[in-house]
Protein backbone atom coordinates (compact mmCIF):
# COMPACT_ATOMS: atom_id res chain seq x y z
CA MET A 1 104.79 121.75 102.80
CA ASN A 2 106.15 122.67 106.32
CA ILE A 3 107.10 119.62 108.30
CA THR A 4 108.34 120.45 111.83
CA SER A 5 110.91 118.48 113.60
CA LEU A 6 110.11 115.96 116.18
CA ASN A 7 111.60 116.27 119.55
CA PRO A 8 111.64 113.86 122.50
CA VAL A 9 109.37 114.58 125.63
CA LYS A 10 110.97 114.77 128.97
CA ALA A 11 111.80 112.03 131.35
CA GLY A 12 108.90 109.74 132.12
CA ASP A 13 107.49 109.96 128.63
CA SER A 14 110.60 108.81 126.79
CA GLU A 15 108.84 106.41 124.66
CA TYR A 16 107.07 109.07 122.87
CA SER A 17 108.14 111.65 120.47
CA ILE A 18 105.84 114.58 120.17
CA ALA A 19 105.96 117.20 117.33
CA GLU A 20 105.91 121.01 118.28
CA ALA A 21 103.33 121.70 115.50
CA PRO A 22 101.53 119.47 112.97
CA ILE A 23 101.91 119.54 109.45
CA ARG A 24 99.49 121.66 107.07
CA TRP A 25 97.25 118.92 105.76
CA ILE A 26 95.45 120.95 103.04
CA PRO A 27 98.61 121.08 100.72
CA LEU A 28 99.19 117.45 101.42
CA ALA A 29 95.66 116.70 100.54
CA ILE A 30 95.82 118.47 97.14
CA GLY A 31 99.14 116.68 96.32
CA LEU A 32 97.84 113.33 97.14
CA SER A 33 94.52 114.13 95.29
CA VAL A 34 96.40 115.15 92.19
CA VAL A 35 98.38 111.80 92.25
CA THR A 36 95.14 109.71 92.75
CA LEU A 37 93.26 111.48 89.88
CA LEU A 38 96.29 110.71 87.52
CA TRP A 39 96.04 107.28 88.46
CA ASP A 40 92.39 107.22 87.86
CA LEU A 41 93.03 108.61 84.18
CA PHE A 42 95.53 106.05 83.71
CA LYS A 43 93.10 103.29 84.61
CA LEU A 44 90.01 104.84 82.82
CA PRO A 45 89.38 102.00 80.21
CA GLN A 46 88.98 99.72 83.36
CA LEU A 47 86.86 102.29 85.31
CA LEU A 48 84.39 102.83 82.56
CA GLY A 49 84.42 99.32 81.20
CA PHE A 50 81.49 97.90 79.30
CA ALA A 51 81.44 94.50 81.20
CA PRO A 52 81.46 95.80 84.67
CA TYR A 53 78.60 98.23 84.21
CA ALA A 54 76.69 95.72 81.96
CA PHE A 55 77.34 92.75 84.01
CA GLY A 56 79.16 93.59 87.12
CA ASP A 57 78.85 95.26 90.42
CA PRO A 58 79.19 98.79 89.46
CA GLY A 59 76.11 98.42 87.24
CA CYS A 60 74.02 97.42 90.02
CA ASN A 61 73.82 100.97 91.18
CA LEU A 62 71.93 101.86 88.16
CA THR A 63 69.62 98.79 88.45
CA THR A 64 69.04 99.62 92.15
CA PHE A 65 67.79 103.17 91.30
CA TYR A 66 65.50 101.95 88.66
CA LEU A 67 63.98 99.38 90.90
CA VAL A 68 63.39 101.68 94.01
CA SER A 69 62.03 104.38 91.80
CA HIS A 70 59.50 101.94 90.41
CA GLY A 71 58.45 100.93 93.89
CA TYR A 72 60.49 97.68 94.70
CA ARG A 73 61.44 97.52 98.34
CA PRO A 74 64.93 96.48 99.33
CA THR A 75 65.33 93.03 101.29
CA ILE A 76 61.70 92.50 100.43
CA ASP A 77 61.30 92.84 96.77
CA PHE A 78 64.89 92.32 96.00
CA GLY A 79 67.93 91.01 97.86
CA TYR A 80 70.13 93.68 99.27
CA ALA A 81 72.94 93.10 101.66
CA TYR A 82 73.98 96.71 102.46
CA GLY A 83 72.61 99.60 104.48
CA LEU A 84 69.77 101.76 103.53
CA MET A 85 71.93 104.92 103.64
CA GLY A 86 73.40 103.65 100.34
CA ILE A 87 70.10 103.54 98.79
CA LEU A 88 69.18 106.93 100.10
CA ALA A 89 72.55 108.27 98.55
CA ASN A 90 71.83 106.38 95.22
CA GLN A 91 68.24 108.01 94.92
CA ALA A 92 69.35 111.63 95.85
CA TRP A 93 72.52 111.43 93.48
CA PHE A 94 70.72 110.12 90.42
CA HIS A 95 68.04 112.67 90.78
CA ALA A 96 70.80 115.06 90.26
CA VAL A 97 72.96 113.60 87.69
CA PRO A 98 72.20 111.32 84.65
CA LEU A 99 71.61 107.68 85.24
CA LYS A 100 74.63 106.52 83.33
CA PRO A 101 77.89 104.92 84.22
CA VAL A 102 79.78 108.24 84.12
CA GLY A 103 77.46 109.63 86.72
CA TYR A 104 78.16 106.88 89.11
CA GLN A 105 81.85 107.19 88.48
CA ALA A 106 81.78 110.71 89.48
CA PHE A 107 80.19 109.75 92.77
CA SER A 108 83.03 107.15 93.18
CA ILE A 109 85.69 109.72 92.47
CA MET A 110 84.17 112.11 95.05
CA CYS A 111 84.28 109.39 97.68
CA GLN A 112 87.62 108.61 96.80
CA LEU A 113 88.91 112.25 97.28
CA PHE A 114 87.13 112.34 100.74
CA VAL A 115 89.04 109.32 101.87
CA VAL A 116 92.17 111.03 100.46
CA CYS A 117 91.53 114.06 102.43
CA ALA A 118 90.95 112.13 105.64
CA MET A 119 94.25 110.47 105.17
CA ALA A 120 95.91 113.89 104.73
CA ARG A 121 94.27 115.17 107.84
CA ILE A 122 95.72 112.10 109.67
CA ALA A 123 99.09 112.75 108.55
CA GLY A 124 98.75 116.39 109.53
CA VAL A 125 97.60 116.04 113.16
CA LEU A 126 99.97 113.23 113.74
CA ALA A 127 102.96 115.04 112.15
CA PHE A 128 104.19 112.66 109.68
CA ARG A 129 107.92 112.98 108.89
CA PRO A 130 109.00 113.42 105.21
CA THR A 131 109.61 109.75 104.65
CA GLN A 132 106.15 108.86 105.97
CA VAL A 133 104.62 111.48 103.59
CA VAL A 134 106.71 109.95 100.66
CA PHE A 135 105.19 106.45 101.56
CA LEU A 136 101.70 107.89 101.39
CA PHE A 137 102.27 109.44 98.02
CA VAL A 138 103.79 106.16 96.56
CA ALA A 139 101.12 103.97 98.07
CA ILE A 140 98.05 106.33 97.58
CA GLY A 141 97.14 104.46 94.32
CA ARG A 142 96.81 101.22 96.32
CA ALA A 143 95.09 102.87 99.28
CA VAL A 144 92.05 104.08 97.62
CA MET A 145 89.41 102.53 95.43
CA PRO A 146 88.80 104.35 92.03
CA THR A 147 85.43 102.66 91.72
CA TYR A 148 83.34 101.48 94.64
CA PHE A 149 81.20 98.59 93.95
CA THR A 150 78.20 100.37 95.40
CA PHE A 151 77.05 103.77 97.03
CA ALA A 152 77.22 101.82 100.32
CA HIS A 153 80.84 100.94 99.93
CA GLY A 154 81.77 104.43 98.98
CA MET A 155 79.74 106.18 101.93
CA GLU A 156 81.29 103.66 104.40
CA ALA A 157 84.85 104.41 103.22
CA VAL A 158 84.09 108.27 103.65
CA LEU A 159 82.45 107.81 107.18
CA ILE A 160 85.18 105.44 108.54
CA SER A 161 88.17 107.47 107.23
CA SER A 162 86.43 110.70 108.59
CA ALA A 163 86.12 108.86 111.84
CA ALA A 164 89.71 107.98 111.92
CA ALA A 165 90.71 111.50 111.13
CA GLU A 166 88.44 112.95 114.11
CA GLN A 167 90.07 110.16 116.44
CA ALA A 168 93.60 111.30 115.34
CA ARG A 169 92.81 114.74 116.48
CA GLY A 170 91.25 113.35 119.71
CA ALA A 171 87.72 113.91 119.00
CA ARG A 172 86.39 110.42 119.99
CA GLY A 173 82.72 111.40 120.25
CA ASN A 174 82.69 112.89 116.61
CA ALA A 175 84.42 109.54 115.46
CA LEU A 176 81.75 107.49 117.31
CA ALA A 177 79.00 109.40 115.52
CA LEU A 178 80.69 108.81 112.07
CA THR A 179 81.08 105.13 112.80
CA THR A 180 77.50 104.98 113.98
CA ALA A 181 76.41 106.51 110.57
CA ALA A 182 78.75 103.77 108.95
CA VAL A 183 76.60 101.12 110.29
CA PHE A 184 73.56 102.34 108.34
CA ALA A 185 75.69 102.48 105.19
CA LYS A 186 77.26 98.90 105.36
CA PRO A 187 76.94 97.00 108.75
CA THR A 188 80.33 95.67 109.02
CA LEU A 189 83.45 97.62 110.20
CA GLY A 190 81.42 100.38 111.72
CA TYR A 191 80.22 97.96 114.40
CA VAL A 192 83.97 97.07 115.30
CA TYR A 193 85.21 100.53 115.00
CA SER A 194 82.07 101.78 117.37
CA ALA A 195 82.94 99.14 119.97
CA LEU A 196 86.76 100.02 119.86
CA LEU A 197 86.03 103.90 120.40
CA LEU A 198 83.49 103.00 123.27
CA THR A 199 86.31 100.92 124.84
CA LEU A 200 88.80 103.65 124.62
CA MET A 201 86.28 106.18 126.10
CA ALA A 202 85.61 103.70 128.92
CA ARG A 203 89.35 103.24 129.60
CA ASP A 204 89.99 106.94 129.50
CA LEU A 205 87.10 107.44 132.23
CA TYR A 206 88.40 104.81 134.29
CA ARG A 207 91.89 106.14 134.46
CA ARG A 208 90.32 109.53 135.56
CA ARG A 209 88.52 107.89 138.17
CA ILE A 210 85.28 109.14 136.82
CA SER A 211 82.04 107.08 137.61
CA ALA A 212 79.45 109.68 137.00
CA LEU A 213 76.94 109.00 134.25
CA ALA A 214 76.94 112.48 132.88
CA PRO A 215 80.59 112.59 131.53
CA TRP A 216 79.66 109.15 129.60
CA LEU A 217 76.44 110.51 128.17
CA GLU A 218 78.21 113.58 126.96
CA ARG A 219 80.66 111.45 124.97
CA ILE A 220 78.04 109.42 123.37
CA ARG A 221 75.41 112.03 122.80
CA PRO A 222 76.54 112.73 119.19
CA ALA A 223 76.41 109.32 118.30
CA ALA A 224 72.98 108.78 119.76
CA VAL A 225 71.53 111.71 117.92
CA VAL A 226 72.96 110.40 114.59
CA GLY A 227 71.67 106.78 115.20
CA LEU A 228 68.30 107.89 116.26
CA SER A 229 67.83 110.35 113.49
CA LEU A 230 68.99 107.94 110.88
CA CYS A 231 66.71 105.14 112.21
CA ALA A 232 63.86 107.64 112.07
CA LEU A 233 64.63 108.96 108.37
CA LEU A 234 65.34 105.51 106.90
CA GLY A 235 62.49 103.82 108.75
CA LEU A 236 60.03 106.51 107.33
CA MET A 237 61.37 106.31 103.90
CA TYR A 238 61.79 102.55 103.46
CA GLY A 239 59.93 100.65 106.17
CA LEU A 240 61.05 99.07 109.54
CA ALA A 241 61.53 95.65 107.92
CA PRO A 242 64.09 96.82 105.48
CA LEU A 243 65.75 98.96 108.22
CA TRP A 244 66.40 96.20 110.68
CA ARG A 245 67.48 93.59 108.02
CA THR A 246 70.02 95.87 106.75
CA VAL A 247 71.25 97.55 110.05
CA LEU A 248 72.06 93.78 111.11
CA PRO A 249 74.42 92.03 108.72
CA LEU A 250 72.21 89.14 108.17
CA SER A 251 72.00 89.13 104.31
CA GLY A 252 75.58 89.77 103.98
CA MET A 253 76.44 86.81 106.21
CA GLY A 254 74.17 84.48 104.36
CA ASN A 255 75.63 85.63 100.97
CA TYR A 256 79.31 85.15 102.36
CA LYS A 257 78.33 81.66 103.53
CA ALA A 258 76.59 80.62 100.46
CA LEU A 259 79.63 81.82 98.23
CA ARG A 260 82.08 80.21 100.48
CA ASN A 261 83.76 83.69 101.05
CA GLY A 262 86.66 84.30 103.49
CA PHE A 263 90.48 85.14 103.54
CA PHE A 264 91.21 81.43 104.30
CA THR A 265 88.88 79.84 101.69
CA ALA A 266 89.53 79.04 98.16
CA GLU A 267 87.99 82.29 97.07
CA GLY A 268 90.17 84.61 99.42
CA SER A 269 93.35 82.47 98.81
CA ASN A 270 93.37 83.66 95.15
CA PHE A 271 94.75 86.90 96.64
CA TRP A 272 97.64 85.68 98.64
CA HIS A 273 98.19 82.22 97.02
CA PRO A 274 96.79 81.83 93.70
CA ALA A 275 97.44 78.80 91.48
CA HIS A 276 100.73 78.91 89.69
CA SER A 277 102.05 82.10 91.45
CA ASN A 278 105.70 82.74 91.52
CA TRP A 279 107.94 85.49 92.97
CA HIS A 280 106.88 87.97 90.12
CA TYR A 281 103.34 87.76 91.34
CA TYR A 282 104.35 88.67 95.06
CA ALA A 283 106.75 91.32 93.89
CA GLY A 284 104.95 93.00 91.18
CA THR A 285 101.28 93.05 92.54
CA MET A 286 99.45 94.19 95.86
CA ILE A 287 99.98 91.14 97.77
CA GLY A 288 103.72 91.91 98.34
CA LEU A 289 102.88 95.36 99.79
CA TRP A 290 99.79 94.08 101.65
CA ALA A 291 101.86 91.31 103.34
CA VAL A 292 104.87 93.17 104.28
CA ALA A 293 102.66 96.36 105.45
CA THR A 294 100.57 94.05 107.51
CA ALA A 295 103.74 92.57 109.20
CA TYR A 296 105.25 96.01 109.65
CA LEU A 297 101.89 97.31 111.30
CA ILE A 298 101.80 94.56 113.56
CA TRP A 299 105.37 95.12 114.54
CA GLY A 300 104.68 98.86 115.11
CA ALA A 301 101.45 98.31 117.01
CA THR A 302 102.69 95.93 119.57
CA PRO A 303 105.02 98.55 121.49
CA ALA A 304 102.13 101.05 120.85
CA ALA A 305 99.60 99.06 122.59
CA TRP A 306 102.08 98.50 125.52
CA ARG A 307 102.64 102.29 125.74
CA LEU A 308 98.88 103.00 125.57
CA TRP A 309 98.44 100.40 128.67
CA GLU A 310 101.52 101.15 130.71
CA SER A 311 101.61 105.08 130.40
CA PRO A 312 98.48 106.54 132.09
CA ALA A 313 100.65 109.64 133.01
CA VAL A 314 100.96 110.73 129.34
CA LYS A 315 98.41 113.20 128.47
CA SER A 316 95.52 111.58 126.27
CA ASP A 317 95.65 114.53 123.99
CA SER A 318 99.24 114.47 123.28
CA ILE A 319 100.26 113.62 119.66
CA GLY A 320 102.54 110.64 120.88
CA MET A 321 99.32 109.01 122.75
CA ARG A 322 97.10 109.89 119.83
CA ARG A 323 99.56 108.46 117.17
CA ASP A 324 99.83 105.12 119.16
CA GLU A 325 96.23 105.04 119.61
CA MET A 326 95.66 105.33 115.86
CA ILE A 327 98.43 102.69 115.13
CA VAL A 328 96.53 100.12 117.39
CA SER A 329 92.96 101.01 116.08
CA CYS A 330 94.33 100.78 112.49
CA VAL A 331 95.82 97.05 113.27
CA LEU A 332 92.71 96.02 115.11
CA LEU A 333 90.48 97.24 112.33
CA HIS A 334 92.57 95.64 109.67
CA LEU A 335 92.71 92.24 111.47
CA ALA A 336 89.04 92.33 112.18
CA PHE A 337 88.54 92.59 108.46
CA VAL A 338 90.87 89.87 107.51
CA PHE A 339 89.26 87.40 109.91
CA PHE A 340 85.76 88.34 109.72
CA PHE A 341 84.74 90.46 106.60
CA TYR A 342 87.25 89.42 103.89
CA ALA A 343 85.36 87.96 100.97
CA ASN A 344 87.18 87.21 97.65
CA SER A 345 90.41 87.82 95.90
CA TRP A 346 89.52 91.43 95.40
CA SER A 347 88.49 92.24 98.93
CA TRP A 348 91.64 93.76 100.03
CA ILE A 349 90.68 96.88 98.02
CA TYR A 350 87.79 97.86 100.56
CA TYR A 351 89.92 98.96 103.56
CA SER A 352 93.38 98.98 102.07
CA TRP A 353 93.73 102.63 103.24
CA ILE A 354 93.58 101.46 106.84
CA LEU A 355 96.64 99.57 106.26
CA ILE A 356 98.40 102.11 104.48
CA VAL A 357 97.58 105.04 107.06
CA GLY A 358 98.49 102.59 109.99
CA ALA A 359 101.80 101.55 108.62
CA ALA A 360 102.65 105.16 107.68
CA ALA A 361 101.88 106.18 111.27
CA VAL A 362 104.36 103.90 112.96
CA PRO A 363 107.11 106.19 114.53
CA ILE A 364 110.38 106.00 112.62
CA ASP A 365 112.63 107.55 115.46
CA LYS A 366 114.78 104.40 115.51
CA PRO A 367 116.86 103.76 112.49
CA ILE A 368 115.61 100.18 111.95
CA HIS A 369 112.03 101.62 111.60
CA ARG A 370 113.30 104.15 109.08
CA TYR A 371 114.94 101.49 106.98
CA ALA A 372 111.97 99.36 107.16
CA LEU A 373 109.63 102.09 106.00
CA CYS A 374 111.99 103.03 103.01
CA ALA A 375 111.80 99.31 102.09
CA LEU A 376 108.04 99.51 102.04
CA VAL A 377 108.33 102.51 99.69
CA VAL A 378 110.20 100.33 97.42
CA ILE A 379 107.92 97.51 97.73
CA ALA A 380 104.84 99.92 97.03
CA ALA A 381 106.45 101.12 93.95
CA GLY A 382 106.99 97.57 92.69
CA THR A 383 103.33 96.66 92.92
CA TYR A 384 102.52 98.95 90.16
CA TYR A 385 104.37 96.95 87.72
CA ALA A 386 101.27 94.51 86.92
CA LEU A 387 98.88 97.48 87.20
CA GLY A 388 100.93 99.43 84.57
CA VAL A 389 101.32 96.56 82.17
CA ASP A 390 97.45 95.85 82.38
CA SER A 391 96.64 99.60 81.93
CA VAL A 392 98.85 100.10 78.91
CA SER A 393 97.40 96.99 77.46
CA GLU A 394 93.87 98.35 78.07
CA TRP A 395 94.45 101.56 76.45
CA ASN A 396 96.14 99.76 73.39
CA SER A 397 93.31 97.17 73.11
CA MET A 398 90.06 98.69 74.21
CA SER A 399 87.84 101.51 72.78
CA ARG A 400 84.66 103.20 73.18
CA THR A 401 81.82 102.53 70.73
CA PRO A 402 78.11 103.28 70.27
CA ALA A 403 77.18 99.69 70.42
CA THR A 404 78.92 99.44 74.04
CA ALA A 405 76.94 102.50 75.29
CA SER A 406 80.26 104.48 75.02
CA LEU A 407 82.05 102.40 77.55
CA TRP A 408 85.40 100.81 76.96
CA SER A 409 85.69 97.48 75.44
CA SER A 410 87.81 95.02 73.48
CA ALA A 411 87.21 94.78 69.74
CA GLY A 412 86.14 91.10 70.03
CA ALA A 413 83.66 91.89 72.81
CA SER A 414 82.19 94.84 71.08
CA ASP A 415 81.81 92.92 67.84
CA GLU A 416 80.13 89.89 69.77
CA TRP A 417 77.82 92.38 71.49
CA SER A 418 76.77 94.23 68.45
CA ARG A 419 75.84 90.77 66.94
CA VAL A 420 73.72 89.97 69.95
CA ILE A 421 71.94 93.39 69.81
CA ALA A 422 71.17 92.65 65.97
CA ALA A 423 69.94 89.27 66.82
CA ILE A 424 67.33 90.40 69.42
CA LYS A 425 66.02 93.26 67.33
CA GLY A 426 62.16 93.16 67.14
CA ARG A 427 62.06 90.23 69.57
CA ARG A 428 61.27 89.85 73.41
CA ALA A 429 64.70 89.64 74.80
CA VAL A 430 65.70 88.91 78.46
CA ALA A 431 69.31 89.17 79.74
CA LEU A 432 70.02 86.72 82.61
CA HIS A 433 72.97 87.88 84.86
CA ALA A 434 74.29 87.92 88.45
CA ALA A 435 74.82 91.64 88.54
CA GLY A 436 74.78 94.64 86.48
CA ALA A 437 72.68 97.19 84.48
CA VAL A 438 72.31 95.83 81.13
CA GLU A 439 68.57 96.36 81.04
CA VAL A 440 68.93 99.97 81.99
CA LEU A 441 71.73 100.72 79.35
CA TYR A 442 69.79 98.94 76.60
CA PRO A 443 66.05 99.32 76.56
CA GLN A 444 65.97 96.43 73.94
CA PHE A 445 65.67 94.13 76.91
CA GLU A 446 62.97 93.44 79.34
CA ARG A 447 63.08 95.56 82.43
CA PRO A 448 65.07 94.26 85.48
CA VAL A 449 63.40 92.43 88.47
CA GLY A 450 66.34 92.35 90.84
CA VAL A 451 69.81 93.56 91.58
CA TYR A 452 71.94 90.49 92.72
CA PHE A 453 70.82 87.07 91.22
CA GLU A 454 73.51 85.36 93.70
CA PRO A 455 73.12 82.60 96.38
CA GLY A 456 72.31 84.13 99.70
CA LEU A 457 70.85 87.16 98.35
CA MET A 458 67.92 85.78 96.09
CA THR A 459 64.37 86.16 97.49
CA ALA A 460 61.75 83.82 96.66
CA THR A 461 59.67 86.43 94.86
CA GLU A 462 62.64 87.64 93.09
CA ILE A 463 63.24 83.99 91.71
CA GLN A 464 59.60 83.82 90.75
CA ARG A 465 59.73 87.10 88.74
CA GLU A 466 63.02 85.86 87.15
CA VAL A 467 61.06 82.71 85.87
CA THR A 468 58.08 84.92 84.68
CA ARG A 469 60.56 86.73 82.60
CA ILE A 470 62.22 83.68 81.26
CA GLU A 471 58.86 82.20 80.28
CA SER A 472 57.83 85.22 78.54
CA ALA A 473 60.94 85.62 76.41
CA ASP A 474 61.63 84.79 72.72
CA VAL A 475 65.39 85.00 73.11
CA ILE A 476 67.75 85.01 76.06
CA VAL A 477 71.11 86.49 76.59
CA VAL A 478 73.39 84.96 79.28
CA PRO A 479 77.26 86.28 79.93
CA ASN A 480 79.59 83.55 80.05
CA ASP A 481 81.58 82.92 83.26
CA VAL A 482 84.68 84.58 82.16
CA ALA A 483 86.78 87.27 84.00
CA GLY A 484 84.75 90.47 84.36
CA TRP A 485 81.53 89.12 82.97
CA GLY A 486 80.00 87.46 85.98
CA GLY A 487 78.15 84.64 84.45
CA TYR A 488 74.66 83.55 85.88
CA THR A 489 73.61 81.24 88.90
CA LEU A 490 70.83 78.88 87.99
CA THR A 491 68.28 77.90 90.68
CA PRO A 492 65.90 74.85 90.21
CA GLU A 493 63.12 77.06 89.25
CA THR A 494 65.09 79.13 86.55
CA GLU A 495 66.71 75.92 85.22
CA ARG A 496 63.38 74.38 84.69
CA ALA A 497 62.12 77.40 82.74
CA LEU A 498 65.19 77.49 80.59
CA ALA A 499 64.54 73.82 79.55
CA SER A 500 62.24 75.07 76.86
CA PHE A 501 65.16 77.02 75.15
CA LYS A 502 68.00 75.81 73.19
CA GLN A 503 71.48 77.39 72.92
CA THR A 504 71.91 78.78 69.43
CA GLU A 505 75.13 80.54 70.02
CA ARG A 506 78.03 80.55 72.29
CA GLY A 507 80.78 83.10 71.93
CA ALA A 508 83.77 83.95 73.98
CA TYR A 509 81.77 86.30 76.16
CA LEU A 510 77.94 85.68 75.70
CA SER A 511 75.61 82.74 75.12
CA VAL A 512 72.25 83.21 73.26
CA TYR A 513 69.27 80.90 73.88
CA GLU A 514 66.21 80.71 71.73
CA ARG A 515 62.77 79.12 72.28
CA ARG A 516 62.67 75.57 70.87
């Protein structure tokens, strides 16, 4: 890999360091992709686990395909908090690959590698130094998600990271088109990033004393074409009501409020200050890197923002200016996520690549910055301790069996599930769960009628269909509220319907109810 030296610019621009040439990003992307795939292999029992697909968010992608293929409409016939572009990708993908967990995992890995390539592109055009590249290699396992919860999450990650790569090379118009598309995948950070890009464009035109409308229209034309095209396509395919309900983050806001999500709530604080935590937790898990990298990024973004504001003479297409713009953009996007979009203890994984890229981009011309980044490398390496222990334990304790649809599970969970399958044989069985695809994986159960049975997402018709399923059942299976199994949220309607059943079995993972 050819990394060129960084030379200070001439007087007047002394705060910037500009590379003679960018590094070649393709070899870097290949190297980062290899490391990423090795981490995926190491975590394989978790990625293709039985509980996440039968009763967790990854399985919802299979259920969504089933429902939409059978005429159910998102936001009308079943609750849905994300963008219609995710459903479009869902339908296209599962028409090409088998409707199985391994099929969805292939999509997740593809998205993961797209994000890795975008990070490599940013490192290339901003001429990262060797220490910065080393930080990317060490932290890459913490920067990208191995399994995206939904197609919407994966597509948003690809679009937002690609937008950042375009911004890094100075193509704000292309970046705005990508962030506009991201709004139709997941209506959250795409809005913030679009507003930021528009602000930067306006600032640039103002400093150039350009007041004509034509230059402004030229910059936003790609985004307008993308936005109007997606409105037309998605509106024709799914209807105008689902379109406006998913372009605006109303369902997601209702779900967050109902579940009391947020960085500073009890749900969110389980990440940064869980009960009974000690120094081992902060040194051996992601929170240590997350906290220090956030502080480091804010530290680096403060002078970068000042340079952007006070140095209009520096060319806007210089590497120094684009580097500072990227650092400031990353810190603003990261803080917007923390304060407005953070959900629960696992939400850090959504946009951790933004934090890692932003921290890596902070210039290390001064010794204090080099030492700080070296410390970040050490901290990043230390965060894999708990991940390594868990992964080794999963490889030793979990296996794939026909009973669990060839998905990984512990022996105890597999045995318990096998007993449940034997108990429902020849009977009308219904599985009640907050998420997952147990009905798609096991035709012994009655077909699904919704995707997420959670507060803020359930529709009235969805609840009524759930009641009808319960009333028609001979036996009901419910996952217990234990780690990874999701549990089930009762409503007054479903609680009344369940009154005619009695619990006949309660295992470590599952409960069985039979008609009285």
